[in-house]
N, C-alpha and C. Protein backbone atom coordinates (compact mmCIF):
# COMPACT_ATOMS: atom_id res chain seq x y z
N MET A 1 5.20 -30.93 149.42
CA MET A 1 4.74 -31.18 148.06
C MET A 1 5.95 -31.30 147.14
N VAL A 2 5.91 -32.25 146.24
CA VAL A 2 7.02 -32.48 145.32
C VAL A 2 6.96 -31.46 144.18
N GLU A 3 8.10 -30.87 143.89
CA GLU A 3 8.20 -29.87 142.82
C GLU A 3 8.12 -30.55 141.46
N GLU A 4 7.30 -30.03 140.56
CA GLU A 4 7.17 -30.58 139.21
C GLU A 4 8.34 -30.11 138.35
N PRO A 5 8.94 -31.02 137.56
CA PRO A 5 10.06 -30.61 136.71
C PRO A 5 9.64 -29.56 135.67
N PRO A 6 10.57 -28.69 135.28
CA PRO A 6 10.22 -27.66 134.28
C PRO A 6 10.00 -28.28 132.91
N LYS A 7 9.23 -27.59 132.11
CA LYS A 7 8.97 -28.06 130.74
C LYS A 7 10.02 -27.45 129.81
N PRO A 8 10.58 -28.27 128.91
CA PRO A 8 11.56 -27.74 127.96
C PRO A 8 10.87 -26.92 126.88
N LEU A 9 11.39 -25.74 126.60
CA LEU A 9 10.82 -24.87 125.57
C LEU A 9 11.77 -24.80 124.38
N VAL A 10 11.20 -24.77 123.19
CA VAL A 10 12.00 -24.66 121.97
C VAL A 10 11.39 -23.59 121.07
N LYS A 11 12.19 -23.08 120.17
CA LYS A 11 11.72 -22.10 119.19
C LYS A 11 11.37 -22.85 117.92
N SER A 12 10.15 -22.68 117.44
CA SER A 12 9.74 -23.31 116.19
C SER A 12 9.68 -22.26 115.10
N VAL A 13 10.33 -22.54 114.01
CA VAL A 13 10.37 -21.61 112.88
C VAL A 13 9.35 -22.08 111.86
N LEU A 14 8.26 -21.35 111.74
CA LEU A 14 7.21 -21.71 110.79
C LEU A 14 7.40 -20.97 109.47
N ASN A 15 7.86 -19.73 109.56
CA ASN A 15 8.05 -18.91 108.37
C ASN A 15 9.27 -18.03 108.63
N MET A 16 10.17 -17.98 107.69
CA MET A 16 11.41 -17.22 107.88
C MET A 16 11.16 -15.71 107.99
N ASN A 17 10.01 -15.23 107.54
CA ASN A 17 9.70 -13.80 107.59
C ASN A 17 9.09 -13.38 108.93
N LEU A 18 8.66 -14.35 109.74
CA LEU A 18 8.04 -14.06 111.02
C LEU A 18 8.97 -14.47 112.15
N PRO A 19 8.82 -13.85 113.32
CA PRO A 19 9.65 -14.28 114.46
C PRO A 19 9.26 -15.69 114.91
N PRO A 20 10.21 -16.44 115.47
CA PRO A 20 9.90 -17.81 115.89
C PRO A 20 8.96 -17.85 117.08
N LYS A 21 8.13 -18.89 117.12
CA LYS A 21 7.22 -19.08 118.24
C LYS A 21 7.89 -20.01 119.24
N ILE A 22 7.54 -19.84 120.49
CA ILE A 22 8.08 -20.70 121.54
C ILE A 22 7.01 -21.71 121.91
N ARG A 23 7.40 -22.99 121.92
CA ARG A 23 6.47 -24.06 122.26
C ARG A 23 7.16 -25.05 123.18
N VAL A 24 6.39 -25.95 123.75
CA VAL A 24 6.95 -26.99 124.62
C VAL A 24 7.58 -28.05 123.73
N GLY A 25 8.82 -28.41 124.04
CA GLY A 25 9.56 -29.37 123.23
C GLY A 25 9.51 -30.76 123.82
N ARG A 26 10.26 -31.67 123.19
CA ARG A 26 10.30 -33.06 123.64
C ARG A 26 11.19 -33.24 124.87
N GLY A 27 12.22 -32.42 124.98
CA GLY A 27 13.11 -32.57 126.12
C GLY A 27 14.24 -31.56 126.07
N PHE A 28 15.04 -31.55 127.12
CA PHE A 28 16.20 -30.66 127.20
C PHE A 28 17.34 -31.24 126.38
N SER A 29 18.17 -30.38 125.81
CA SER A 29 19.32 -30.84 125.04
C SER A 29 20.46 -31.20 125.99
N ILE A 30 21.41 -31.97 125.50
CA ILE A 30 22.56 -32.36 126.30
C ILE A 30 23.39 -31.13 126.66
N GLY A 31 23.50 -30.18 125.77
CA GLY A 31 24.24 -28.95 126.05
C GLY A 31 23.63 -28.16 127.20
N GLU A 32 22.31 -28.12 127.27
CA GLU A 32 21.65 -27.43 128.37
C GLU A 32 21.91 -28.14 129.70
N LEU A 33 21.92 -29.47 129.67
CA LEU A 33 22.20 -30.22 130.89
C LEU A 33 23.63 -30.00 131.36
N LYS A 34 24.57 -29.95 130.42
CA LYS A 34 25.97 -29.73 130.77
C LYS A 34 26.18 -28.35 131.37
N GLU A 35 25.44 -27.36 130.90
CA GLU A 35 25.57 -25.99 131.42
C GLU A 35 25.22 -25.92 132.91
N VAL A 36 24.31 -26.76 133.37
CA VAL A 36 23.92 -26.74 134.78
C VAL A 36 24.62 -27.84 135.57
N GLY A 37 25.48 -28.62 134.93
CA GLY A 37 26.26 -29.63 135.63
C GLY A 37 25.57 -30.96 135.82
N LEU A 38 24.65 -31.31 134.93
CA LEU A 38 23.96 -32.59 135.02
C LEU A 38 24.41 -33.52 133.90
N THR A 39 24.41 -34.82 134.19
CA THR A 39 24.62 -35.81 133.14
C THR A 39 23.24 -36.31 132.70
N VAL A 40 23.22 -37.04 131.62
CA VAL A 40 21.95 -37.59 131.13
C VAL A 40 21.35 -38.53 132.17
N LYS A 41 22.20 -39.34 132.78
CA LYS A 41 21.74 -40.29 133.78
C LYS A 41 21.14 -39.58 135.00
N ASP A 42 21.81 -38.53 135.47
CA ASP A 42 21.30 -37.77 136.61
C ASP A 42 19.98 -37.07 136.28
N ALA A 43 19.89 -36.53 135.08
CA ALA A 43 18.67 -35.83 134.67
C ALA A 43 17.48 -36.78 134.61
N ARG A 44 17.72 -37.99 134.12
CA ARG A 44 16.63 -38.97 134.06
C ARG A 44 16.19 -39.39 135.46
N LYS A 45 17.14 -39.46 136.40
CA LYS A 45 16.79 -39.80 137.77
C LYS A 45 15.91 -38.72 138.39
N LEU A 46 16.12 -37.46 137.98
CA LEU A 46 15.32 -36.35 138.48
C LEU A 46 13.97 -36.23 137.78
N GLY A 47 13.73 -37.04 136.75
CA GLY A 47 12.46 -37.00 136.04
C GLY A 47 12.41 -35.99 134.91
N LEU A 48 13.58 -35.52 134.46
CA LEU A 48 13.62 -34.55 133.36
C LEU A 48 13.58 -35.27 132.02
N LYS A 49 12.88 -34.70 131.07
CA LYS A 49 12.86 -35.26 129.72
C LYS A 49 14.09 -34.79 128.96
N ILE A 50 14.63 -35.66 128.11
CA ILE A 50 15.84 -35.35 127.36
C ILE A 50 15.59 -35.65 125.90
N ASP A 51 15.97 -34.71 125.04
CA ASP A 51 15.89 -34.87 123.59
C ASP A 51 17.32 -35.00 123.07
N LEU A 52 17.72 -36.22 122.75
CA LEU A 52 19.09 -36.48 122.31
C LEU A 52 19.37 -35.92 120.92
N ASN A 53 18.34 -35.64 120.15
CA ASN A 53 18.53 -35.12 118.79
C ASN A 53 18.73 -33.61 118.74
N ARG A 54 18.30 -32.92 119.79
CA ARG A 54 18.38 -31.46 119.79
C ARG A 54 19.79 -30.98 120.08
N ARG A 55 20.26 -29.97 119.34
CA ARG A 55 21.61 -29.45 119.51
C ARG A 55 21.64 -28.04 120.09
N SER A 56 20.51 -27.36 120.09
CA SER A 56 20.49 -25.96 120.51
C SER A 56 20.51 -25.83 122.03
N LYS A 57 21.04 -24.70 122.49
CA LYS A 57 21.03 -24.36 123.91
C LYS A 57 20.28 -23.04 124.05
N HIS A 58 19.19 -23.07 124.80
CA HIS A 58 18.40 -21.86 125.02
C HIS A 58 18.60 -21.41 126.46
N GLU A 59 18.84 -20.12 126.62
CA GLU A 59 19.11 -19.56 127.94
C GLU A 59 17.92 -19.72 128.89
N PHE A 60 16.69 -19.62 128.36
CA PHE A 60 15.52 -19.75 129.23
C PHE A 60 15.39 -21.17 129.78
N ASN A 61 15.84 -22.18 129.03
CA ASN A 61 15.84 -23.55 129.56
C ASN A 61 16.91 -23.73 130.62
N ILE A 62 18.07 -23.13 130.41
CA ILE A 62 19.15 -23.23 131.38
C ILE A 62 18.74 -22.58 132.70
N GLU A 63 18.10 -21.42 132.61
CA GLU A 63 17.63 -20.74 133.83
C GLU A 63 16.54 -21.55 134.54
N ALA A 64 15.66 -22.20 133.77
CA ALA A 64 14.61 -23.03 134.38
C ALA A 64 15.22 -24.22 135.11
N LEU A 65 16.25 -24.83 134.51
CA LEU A 65 16.92 -25.96 135.16
C LEU A 65 17.66 -25.53 136.42
N LYS A 66 18.33 -24.37 136.37
CA LYS A 66 19.03 -23.88 137.55
C LYS A 66 18.05 -23.61 138.69
N GLY A 67 16.92 -23.01 138.38
CA GLY A 67 15.91 -22.75 139.40
C GLY A 67 15.33 -24.02 139.98
N TYR A 68 15.12 -25.03 139.14
CA TYR A 68 14.59 -26.31 139.60
C TYR A 68 15.59 -27.00 140.52
N LEU A 69 16.86 -26.98 140.18
CA LEU A 69 17.87 -27.61 141.02
C LEU A 69 18.01 -26.90 142.36
N GLU A 70 17.88 -25.57 142.36
CA GLU A 70 17.92 -24.81 143.61
C GLU A 70 16.75 -25.19 144.53
N LYS A 71 15.57 -25.36 143.94
CA LYS A 71 14.40 -25.75 144.74
C LYS A 71 14.55 -27.15 145.31
N LEU A 72 15.22 -28.03 144.56
CA LEU A 72 15.42 -29.39 145.05
C LEU A 72 16.41 -29.44 146.22
N LYS A 73 17.37 -28.53 146.22
CA LYS A 73 18.37 -28.52 147.29
C LYS A 73 17.81 -28.04 148.61
N LYS A 74 16.72 -27.28 148.59
CA LYS A 74 16.13 -26.75 149.83
C LYS A 74 15.41 -27.82 150.61
């Protein structure tokens, strides 16, 4: 069975007085891809969504990408 790519998660700030909510985003940031050693071209070949406008790097996305790449290598 083919492994489904992970969903990119982002923090949405609705109100500065409340903690941010986590939701599914448009794609992974370039910084997150670089942390796991992927280029934009390689990520697209793997079927990952990429958000070129996003600048943030979230650790939970980096861990999801690392886990996905480990499963692909098996």
